[in-house]
Amino acid sequence: MICASVEEFVAALPPMRAIAGLDLGDKTIGVALSDLRRQVATPVEVIRREKFTLDAGRLLALLEARGAAGIVLGLPLNMDGSIGPRVQATQAFARNLEKLTALPICYWDERLSTVAAERALLEADTSRKRRKEVIDQVAAGYILQGALDRMAHMGRGEQA
C-alpha cells in the first residue's frame, strides 16, 4: 500500500517495529533501519541494483530478516519541488514493490539528503573510497531520520 501522507503511513504501522528508509539510485539502493521505538535511523546496507525482481527480492528479504514494518522511500524532487524523471522512476519502483509486499510505503522528500550525507562523511574524515561505498546508505539514514522526526512531532512517535 502506497500511503498518500505520513499520517496515513503511521496509521498503517503496527507498534514497536522498525521501519526502513530507502535511497533509490540508478545503480544502488541505500537502506537504513530505525530502532523499534522509531527514534533513530541507522544506515545498514547498500544493494547493488541489477534488475527489479532481484533487487526487490534482496530488499524484501533484508527487511523481513530485520523485522521492518514499513518503508520510507526517498522522493527525489527537483530543487524547485517539481517532478522529473527520477521521481517518475521512484514512483514506478514503489508501484512494482507494492505488488510484492503488504508493507506500507511512504514517500519522503529527499532533497539535499545526499549533500547532507556527504558533508557528515567529510566531517568524519572518511576516505573518498569509503564515502563512495557508504554514501547511499547514509543518505537513506537521513531520509529515514527526517520521517522519524516528523512522526515524533505528530505525537505518535512511540505508539505508532
N, C-alpha and C. Protein backbone atom coordinates (compact mmCIF):
# COMPACT_ATOMS: atom_id res chain seq x y z
N MET A 1 0.84 -1.17 0.00
CA MET A 1 0.00 0.00 0.00
C MET A 1 0.90 1.24 0.00
N ILE A 2 0.72 2.09 -0.97
CA ILE A 2 1.44 3.36 -1.03
C ILE A 2 0.57 4.40 -0.33
N CYS A 3 1.09 4.98 0.72
CA CYS A 3 0.33 5.93 1.53
C CYS A 3 0.44 7.34 0.95
N ALA A 4 -0.66 8.06 1.04
CA ALA A 4 -0.71 9.42 0.49
C ALA A 4 -0.05 10.44 1.41
N SER A 5 0.12 10.08 2.68
CA SER A 5 0.70 11.02 3.64
C SER A 5 1.44 10.26 4.73
N VAL A 6 2.25 10.98 5.49
CA VAL A 6 2.95 10.37 6.63
C VAL A 6 1.92 9.92 7.66
N GLU A 7 0.85 10.70 7.83
CA GLU A 7 -0.20 10.34 8.79
C GLU A 7 -0.84 9.00 8.42
N GLU A 8 -1.13 8.81 7.15
CA GLU A 8 -1.72 7.54 6.70
C GLU A 8 -0.72 6.40 6.91
N PHE A 9 0.54 6.66 6.64
CA PHE A 9 1.61 5.67 6.84
C PHE A 9 1.67 5.24 8.30
N VAL A 10 1.71 6.21 9.22
CA VAL A 10 1.79 5.91 10.65
C VAL A 10 0.58 5.09 11.09
N ALA A 11 -0.59 5.43 10.59
CA ALA A 11 -1.80 4.70 10.96
C ALA A 11 -1.75 3.24 10.51
N ALA A 12 -0.99 2.96 9.45
CA ALA A 12 -0.91 1.60 8.91
C ALA A 12 0.16 0.74 9.59
N LEU A 13 0.97 1.36 10.46
CA LEU A 13 2.09 0.64 11.09
C LEU A 13 1.69 -0.03 12.39
N PRO A 14 2.17 -1.26 12.61
CA PRO A 14 1.98 -1.89 13.93
C PRO A 14 2.96 -1.26 14.93
N PRO A 15 2.67 -1.34 16.23
CA PRO A 15 3.56 -0.74 17.22
C PRO A 15 4.86 -1.52 17.38
N MET A 16 5.88 -0.81 17.87
CA MET A 16 7.15 -1.42 18.27
C MET A 16 7.80 -2.30 17.20
N ARG A 17 7.81 -1.80 15.99
CA ARG A 17 8.54 -2.49 14.90
C ARG A 17 9.34 -1.44 14.15
N ALA A 18 10.48 -1.84 13.66
CA ALA A 18 11.36 -0.94 12.90
C ALA A 18 10.72 -0.57 11.56
N ILE A 19 11.15 0.56 11.02
CA ILE A 19 10.79 0.90 9.65
C ILE A 19 12.08 1.15 8.87
N ALA A 20 11.99 0.98 7.57
CA ALA A 20 13.15 1.11 6.70
C ALA A 20 13.08 2.41 5.92
N GLY A 21 14.25 2.96 5.65
CA GLY A 21 14.37 4.11 4.76
C GLY A 21 15.19 3.70 3.56
N LEU A 22 14.77 4.12 2.37
CA LEU A 22 15.48 3.76 1.14
C LEU A 22 15.88 4.99 0.35
N ASP A 23 17.12 4.96 -0.13
CA ASP A 23 17.62 5.96 -1.07
C ASP A 23 17.82 5.22 -2.38
N LEU A 24 16.90 5.43 -3.30
CA LEU A 24 16.90 4.69 -4.56
C LEU A 24 17.73 5.43 -5.60
N GLY A 25 18.77 4.79 -6.07
CA GLY A 25 19.60 5.37 -7.12
C GLY A 25 19.56 4.51 -8.37
N ASP A 26 20.22 4.96 -9.42
CA ASP A 26 20.26 4.19 -10.66
C ASP A 26 21.04 2.89 -10.49
N LYS A 27 22.09 2.92 -9.68
CA LYS A 27 22.97 1.76 -9.54
C LYS A 27 22.87 1.07 -8.19
N THR A 28 22.34 1.77 -7.19
CA THR A 28 22.28 1.22 -5.84
C THR A 28 20.98 1.59 -5.14
N ILE A 29 20.71 0.85 -4.06
CA ILE A 29 19.63 1.19 -3.14
C ILE A 29 20.26 1.27 -1.76
N GLY A 30 20.28 2.46 -1.19
CA GLY A 30 20.76 2.62 0.18
C GLY A 30 19.65 2.26 1.13
N VAL A 31 19.98 1.50 2.17
CA VAL A 31 18.98 1.03 3.13
C VAL A 31 19.38 1.45 4.54
N ALA A 32 18.43 2.01 5.27
CA ALA A 32 18.61 2.33 6.68
C ALA A 32 17.42 1.75 7.44
N LEU A 33 17.61 1.49 8.72
CA LEU A 33 16.54 0.97 9.56
C LEU A 33 16.45 1.77 10.85
N SER A 34 15.24 1.86 11.38
CA SER A 34 15.04 2.54 12.65
C SER A 34 15.15 1.52 13.78
N ASP A 35 15.24 2.06 14.99
CA ASP A 35 15.10 1.21 16.17
C ASP A 35 13.62 0.90 16.35
N LEU A 36 13.29 0.05 17.31
CA LEU A 36 11.89 -0.36 17.50
C LEU A 36 10.99 0.78 17.95
N ARG A 37 11.55 1.77 18.63
CA ARG A 37 10.76 2.92 19.08
C ARG A 37 10.68 4.00 18.02
N ARG A 38 11.35 3.78 16.90
CA ARG A 38 11.32 4.70 15.76
C ARG A 38 11.82 6.10 16.10
N GLN A 39 12.98 6.13 16.76
CA GLN A 39 13.57 7.41 17.11
C GLN A 39 14.87 7.66 16.37
N VAL A 40 15.62 6.60 16.06
CA VAL A 40 16.94 6.75 15.47
C VAL A 40 17.06 5.90 14.20
N ALA A 41 17.54 6.53 13.13
CA ALA A 41 17.79 5.82 11.87
C ALA A 41 19.25 5.41 11.83
N THR A 42 19.49 4.16 11.40
CA THR A 42 20.85 3.66 11.27
C THR A 42 21.06 3.12 9.86
N PRO A 43 22.07 3.64 9.15
CA PRO A 43 22.39 3.09 7.82
C PRO A 43 22.83 1.63 7.97
N VAL A 44 22.34 0.74 7.10
CA VAL A 44 22.69 -0.67 7.25
C VAL A 44 23.33 -1.32 6.03
N GLU A 45 22.94 -0.93 4.84
CA GLU A 45 23.43 -1.67 3.68
C GLU A 45 23.22 -0.90 2.39
N VAL A 46 24.01 -1.28 1.38
CA VAL A 46 23.80 -0.80 0.02
C VAL A 46 23.58 -2.02 -0.85
N ILE A 47 22.47 -2.02 -1.57
CA ILE A 47 22.16 -3.10 -2.51
C ILE A 47 22.54 -2.64 -3.90
N ARG A 48 23.41 -3.37 -4.55
CA ARG A 48 23.79 -3.05 -5.93
C ARG A 48 22.65 -3.48 -6.84
N ARG A 49 22.14 -2.55 -7.63
CA ARG A 49 20.98 -2.85 -8.48
C ARG A 49 21.38 -3.67 -9.71
N GLU A 50 20.55 -4.64 -10.02
CA GLU A 50 20.73 -5.45 -11.22
C GLU A 50 19.46 -5.34 -12.07
N LYS A 51 18.42 -6.05 -11.64
CA LYS A 51 17.11 -5.87 -12.28
C LYS A 51 16.06 -5.91 -11.18
N PHE A 52 14.89 -5.38 -11.46
CA PHE A 52 13.92 -5.15 -10.40
C PHE A 52 13.62 -6.40 -9.58
N THR A 53 13.36 -7.52 -10.21
CA THR A 53 12.95 -8.70 -9.44
C THR A 53 14.05 -9.15 -8.47
N LEU A 54 15.30 -9.10 -8.89
CA LEU A 54 16.41 -9.46 -8.00
C LEU A 54 16.57 -8.42 -6.89
N ASP A 55 16.51 -7.15 -7.27
CA ASP A 55 16.66 -6.06 -6.29
C ASP A 55 15.56 -6.14 -5.23
N ALA A 56 14.32 -6.30 -5.68
CA ALA A 56 13.17 -6.36 -4.76
C ALA A 56 13.29 -7.58 -3.86
N GLY A 57 13.69 -8.70 -4.42
CA GLY A 57 13.85 -9.92 -3.62
C GLY A 57 14.88 -9.74 -2.51
N ARG A 58 16.03 -9.16 -2.85
CA ARG A 58 17.07 -8.93 -1.83
C ARG A 58 16.59 -7.93 -0.78
N LEU A 59 15.95 -6.87 -1.25
CA LEU A 59 15.46 -5.83 -0.34
C LEU A 59 14.41 -6.40 0.62
N LEU A 60 13.42 -7.09 0.08
CA LEU A 60 12.35 -7.62 0.93
C LEU A 60 12.86 -8.69 1.89
N ALA A 61 13.84 -9.49 1.47
CA ALA A 61 14.44 -10.49 2.36
C ALA A 61 15.16 -9.78 3.53
N LEU A 62 15.88 -8.72 3.21
CA LEU A 62 16.57 -7.94 4.24
C LEU A 62 15.57 -7.34 5.22
N LEU A 63 14.51 -6.74 4.69
CA LEU A 63 13.51 -6.10 5.55
C LEU A 63 12.79 -7.12 6.42
N GLU A 64 12.51 -8.29 5.87
CA GLU A 64 11.86 -9.35 6.65
C GLU A 64 12.79 -9.84 7.76
N ALA A 65 14.06 -10.05 7.41
CA ALA A 65 15.04 -10.52 8.40
C ALA A 65 15.20 -9.51 9.54
N ARG A 66 15.08 -8.23 9.24
CA ARG A 66 15.24 -7.18 10.25
C ARG A 66 13.91 -6.80 10.91
N GLY A 67 12.81 -7.42 10.49
CA GLY A 67 11.51 -7.16 11.11
C GLY A 67 10.91 -5.80 10.79
N ALA A 68 11.21 -5.26 9.63
CA ALA A 68 10.68 -3.94 9.25
C ALA A 68 9.18 -4.01 9.01
N ALA A 69 8.47 -2.97 9.46
CA ALA A 69 7.01 -2.91 9.33
C ALA A 69 6.54 -1.96 8.25
N GLY A 70 7.46 -1.17 7.68
CA GLY A 70 7.08 -0.20 6.66
C GLY A 70 8.32 0.33 5.96
N ILE A 71 8.08 1.05 4.87
CA ILE A 71 9.18 1.56 4.03
C ILE A 71 8.97 3.05 3.77
N VAL A 72 10.00 3.84 4.08
CA VAL A 72 10.02 5.26 3.72
C VAL A 72 10.96 5.37 2.52
N LEU A 73 10.41 5.78 1.41
CA LEU A 73 11.16 5.84 0.15
C LEU A 73 11.45 7.30 -0.20
N GLY A 74 12.73 7.61 -0.32
CA GLY A 74 13.12 8.98 -0.67
C GLY A 74 12.59 9.36 -2.04
N LEU A 75 11.95 10.52 -2.12
CA LEU A 75 11.40 11.02 -3.38
C LEU A 75 12.30 12.16 -3.88
N PRO A 76 13.00 11.93 -5.00
CA PRO A 76 14.00 12.90 -5.47
C PRO A 76 13.39 14.06 -6.27
N LEU A 77 12.66 14.92 -5.57
CA LEU A 77 12.08 16.09 -6.22
C LEU A 77 13.18 17.02 -6.71
N ASN A 78 12.88 17.79 -7.74
CA ASN A 78 13.81 18.83 -8.18
C ASN A 78 13.87 19.90 -7.09
N MET A 79 14.91 20.71 -7.10
CA MET A 79 15.08 21.72 -6.06
C MET A 79 13.90 22.68 -5.98
N ASP A 80 13.20 22.91 -7.09
CA ASP A 80 12.04 23.81 -7.07
C ASP A 80 10.75 23.07 -6.69
N GLY A 81 10.88 21.78 -6.32
CA GLY A 81 9.72 21.00 -5.90
C GLY A 81 8.99 20.29 -7.02
N SER A 82 9.45 20.49 -8.25
CA SER A 82 8.77 19.86 -9.38
C SER A 82 9.19 18.40 -9.54
N ILE A 83 8.42 17.69 -10.34
CA ILE A 83 8.64 16.27 -10.58
C ILE A 83 9.40 16.09 -11.88
N GLY A 84 10.46 15.30 -11.82
CA GLY A 84 11.25 14.99 -13.01
C GLY A 84 11.31 13.49 -13.25
N PRO A 85 12.15 13.05 -14.15
CA PRO A 85 12.25 11.63 -14.49
C PRO A 85 12.66 10.74 -13.32
N ARG A 86 13.47 11.26 -12.40
CA ARG A 86 13.88 10.43 -11.25
C ARG A 86 12.70 10.17 -10.32
N VAL A 87 11.82 11.15 -10.16
CA VAL A 87 10.62 10.94 -9.34
C VAL A 87 9.74 9.89 -9.99
N GLN A 88 9.58 9.98 -11.30
CA GLN A 88 8.75 9.01 -12.00
C GLN A 88 9.32 7.60 -11.86
N ALA A 89 10.65 7.47 -11.94
CA ALA A 89 11.29 6.16 -11.79
C ALA A 89 11.09 5.64 -10.36
N THR A 90 11.17 6.52 -9.38
CA THR A 90 10.97 6.12 -7.98
C THR A 90 9.53 5.67 -7.76
N GLN A 91 8.58 6.40 -8.32
CA GLN A 91 7.18 6.03 -8.16
C GLN A 91 6.89 4.70 -8.86
N ALA A 92 7.52 4.46 -10.00
CA ALA A 92 7.34 3.18 -10.70
C ALA A 92 7.92 2.04 -9.85
N PHE A 93 9.07 2.28 -9.24
CA PHE A 93 9.67 1.28 -8.35
C PHE A 93 8.70 0.96 -7.21
N ALA A 94 8.13 2.00 -6.59
CA ALA A 94 7.19 1.81 -5.48
C ALA A 94 5.95 1.02 -5.92
N ARG A 95 5.41 1.35 -7.10
CA ARG A 95 4.23 0.63 -7.59
C ARG A 95 4.54 -0.84 -7.82
N ASN A 96 5.72 -1.13 -8.35
CA ASN A 96 6.11 -2.52 -8.57
C ASN A 96 6.38 -3.24 -7.25
N LEU A 97 7.00 -2.55 -6.30
CA LEU A 97 7.28 -3.14 -5.00
C LEU A 97 5.99 -3.42 -4.24
N GLU A 98 5.02 -2.51 -4.39
CA GLU A 98 3.72 -2.64 -3.72
C GLU A 98 3.04 -3.97 -4.09
N LYS A 99 3.28 -4.45 -5.30
CA LYS A 99 2.68 -5.71 -5.75
C LYS A 99 3.30 -6.92 -5.06
N LEU A 100 4.49 -6.74 -4.46
CA LEU A 100 5.23 -7.86 -3.88
C LEU A 100 5.19 -7.90 -2.35
N THR A 101 4.68 -6.85 -1.72
CA THR A 101 4.70 -6.79 -0.26
C THR A 101 3.46 -6.10 0.28
N ALA A 102 3.09 -6.48 1.49
CA ALA A 102 1.98 -5.82 2.18
C ALA A 102 2.48 -4.65 3.03
N LEU A 103 3.80 -4.45 3.10
CA LEU A 103 4.35 -3.35 3.89
C LEU A 103 3.87 -2.01 3.34
N PRO A 104 3.42 -1.12 4.23
CA PRO A 104 3.04 0.22 3.76
C PRO A 104 4.29 0.97 3.28
N ILE A 105 4.11 1.78 2.25
CA ILE A 105 5.20 2.56 1.66
C ILE A 105 4.81 4.03 1.72
N CYS A 106 5.75 4.87 2.13
CA CYS A 106 5.52 6.31 2.23
C CYS A 106 6.66 7.03 1.52
N TYR A 107 6.35 8.08 0.79
CA TYR A 107 7.39 8.90 0.16
C TYR A 107 7.87 9.96 1.14
N TRP A 108 9.15 10.31 1.04
CA TRP A 108 9.70 11.40 1.85
C TRP A 108 10.60 12.24 0.95
N ASP A 109 10.41 13.54 0.99
CA ASP A 109 11.20 14.48 0.19
C ASP A 109 12.68 14.31 0.56
N GLU A 110 13.49 13.89 -0.41
CA GLU A 110 14.89 13.61 -0.11
C GLU A 110 15.84 14.70 -0.59
N ARG A 111 15.32 15.85 -0.98
CA ARG A 111 16.20 16.91 -1.45
C ARG A 111 17.31 17.18 -0.44
N LEU A 112 18.52 17.23 -0.92
CA LEU A 112 19.73 17.52 -0.15
C LEU A 112 20.15 16.41 0.81
N SER A 113 19.49 15.25 0.81
CA SER A 113 19.92 14.17 1.72
C SER A 113 21.32 13.68 1.37
N THR A 114 21.63 13.56 0.09
CA THR A 114 22.95 13.11 -0.31
C THR A 114 24.00 14.16 0.02
N VAL A 115 23.64 15.43 -0.13
CA VAL A 115 24.55 16.52 0.23
C VAL A 115 24.85 16.46 1.73
N ALA A 116 23.81 16.28 2.54
CA ALA A 116 23.99 16.20 3.99
C ALA A 116 24.83 14.98 4.36
N ALA A 117 24.59 13.85 3.70
CA ALA A 117 25.35 12.63 3.97
C ALA A 117 26.82 12.83 3.62
N GLU A 118 27.06 13.44 2.49
CA GLU A 118 28.44 13.70 2.05
C GLU A 118 29.15 14.62 3.06
N ARG A 119 28.46 15.65 3.50
CA ARG A 119 29.04 16.58 4.47
C ARG A 119 29.39 15.85 5.77
N ALA A 120 28.48 15.01 6.25
CA ALA A 120 28.73 14.27 7.50
C ALA A 120 29.93 13.34 7.35
N LEU A 121 30.03 12.68 6.21
CA LEU A 121 31.15 11.77 5.98
C LEU A 121 32.47 12.54 5.87
N LEU A 122 32.43 13.71 5.25
CA LEU A 122 33.63 14.55 5.18
C LEU A 122 34.05 15.02 6.57
N GLU A 123 33.07 15.43 7.38
CA GLU A 123 33.38 15.87 8.73
C GLU A 123 33.96 14.75 9.57
N ALA A 124 33.56 13.51 9.26
CA ALA A 124 34.09 12.35 9.98
C ALA A 124 35.43 11.90 9.39
N ASP A 125 35.95 12.68 8.44
CA ASP A 125 37.23 12.41 7.81
C ASP A 125 37.26 11.02 7.14
N THR A 126 36.15 10.68 6.49
CA THR A 126 36.03 9.40 5.80
C THR A 126 36.76 9.48 4.46
N SER A 127 37.50 8.44 4.12
CA SER A 127 38.25 8.45 2.86
C SER A 127 37.29 8.50 1.67
N ARG A 128 37.79 8.98 0.54
CA ARG A 128 36.97 9.08 -0.67
C ARG A 128 36.41 7.71 -1.05
N LYS A 129 37.25 6.68 -0.99
CA LYS A 129 36.82 5.32 -1.35
C LYS A 129 35.68 4.86 -0.42
N ARG A 130 35.84 5.06 0.87
CA ARG A 130 34.83 4.65 1.84
C ARG A 130 33.55 5.46 1.66
N ARG A 131 33.67 6.78 1.39
CA ARG A 131 32.48 7.60 1.16
C ARG A 131 31.66 7.04 0.01
N LYS A 132 32.35 6.67 -1.07
CA LYS A 132 31.66 6.12 -2.24
C LYS A 132 30.92 4.83 -1.89
N GLU A 133 31.50 4.04 -1.00
CA GLU A 133 30.88 2.77 -0.60
C GLU A 133 29.63 2.96 0.26
N VAL A 134 29.62 3.98 1.10
CA VAL A 134 28.55 4.10 2.10
C VAL A 134 27.59 5.27 1.89
N ILE A 135 27.86 6.15 0.92
CA ILE A 135 27.06 7.37 0.77
C ILE A 135 25.56 7.09 0.63
N ASP A 136 25.19 6.04 -0.11
CA ASP A 136 23.77 5.77 -0.33
C ASP A 136 23.06 5.30 0.94
N GLN A 137 23.74 4.49 1.74
CA GLN A 137 23.09 4.05 2.97
C GLN A 137 23.04 5.19 4.00
N VAL A 138 24.04 6.06 4.00
CA VAL A 138 24.00 7.23 4.88
C VAL A 138 22.88 8.18 4.44
N ALA A 139 22.72 8.37 3.13
CA ALA A 139 21.62 9.20 2.61
C ALA A 139 20.27 8.58 3.00
N ALA A 140 20.16 7.25 2.95
CA ALA A 140 18.94 6.57 3.38
C ALA A 140 18.66 6.87 4.85
N GLY A 141 19.73 6.93 5.65
CA GLY A 141 19.58 7.27 7.06
C GLY A 141 19.03 8.67 7.25
N TYR A 142 19.50 9.63 6.44
CA TYR A 142 18.99 11.00 6.52
C TYR A 142 17.51 11.04 6.12
N ILE A 143 17.16 10.31 5.08
CA ILE A 143 15.76 10.26 4.64
C ILE A 143 14.88 9.71 5.76
N LEU A 144 15.30 8.56 6.30
CA LEU A 144 14.50 7.92 7.35
C LEU A 144 14.45 8.80 8.60
N GLN A 145 15.56 9.41 8.99
CA GLN A 145 15.56 10.24 10.19
C GLN A 145 14.60 11.42 10.03
N GLY A 146 14.54 12.00 8.84
CA GLY A 146 13.58 13.08 8.60
C GLY A 146 12.15 12.63 8.82
N ALA A 147 11.82 11.45 8.33
CA ALA A 147 10.47 10.91 8.51
C ALA A 147 10.21 10.57 9.97
N LEU A 148 11.21 10.00 10.65
CA LEU A 148 11.05 9.66 12.08
C LEU A 148 10.81 10.92 12.91
N ASP A 149 11.57 11.98 12.61
CA ASP A 149 11.39 13.24 13.33
C ASP A 149 9.99 13.80 13.11
N ARG A 150 9.51 13.70 11.88
CA ARG A 150 8.15 14.17 11.58
C ARG A 150 7.12 13.33 12.34
N MET A 151 7.32 12.02 12.37
CA MET A 151 6.40 11.13 13.08
C MET A 151 6.39 11.46 14.58
N ALA A 152 7.55 11.74 15.15
CA ALA A 152 7.64 12.07 16.57
C ALA A 152 6.89 13.38 16.86
N HIS A 153 6.98 14.34 15.93
CA HIS A 153 6.29 15.62 16.11
C HIS A 153 4.78 15.47 15.97
N MET A 154 4.35 14.40 15.36
CA MET A 154 2.92 14.15 15.23
C MET A 154 2.34 13.68 16.56
N GLY A 155 3.23 13.41 17.53
CA GLY A 155 2.76 12.97 18.83
C GLY A 155 2.49 11.48 18.90
N ARG A 156 2.90 10.77 17.85
CA ARG A 156 2.65 9.34 17.82
C ARG A 156 3.94 8.56 17.66
N GLY A 157 5.06 9.20 17.84
CA GLY A 157 6.36 8.58 17.58
C GLY A 157 6.57 7.25 18.30
N GLU A 158 6.12 7.15 19.57
CA GLU A 158 6.36 5.91 20.30
C GLU A 158 5.25 4.89 20.08
N GLN A 159 4.01 5.34 20.02
CA GLN A 159 2.91 4.40 19.86
C GLN A 159 2.77 3.91 18.44
N ALA A 160 3.19 4.71 17.49
CA ALA A 160 2.93 4.42 16.08
C ALA A 160 3.55 3.14 15.60
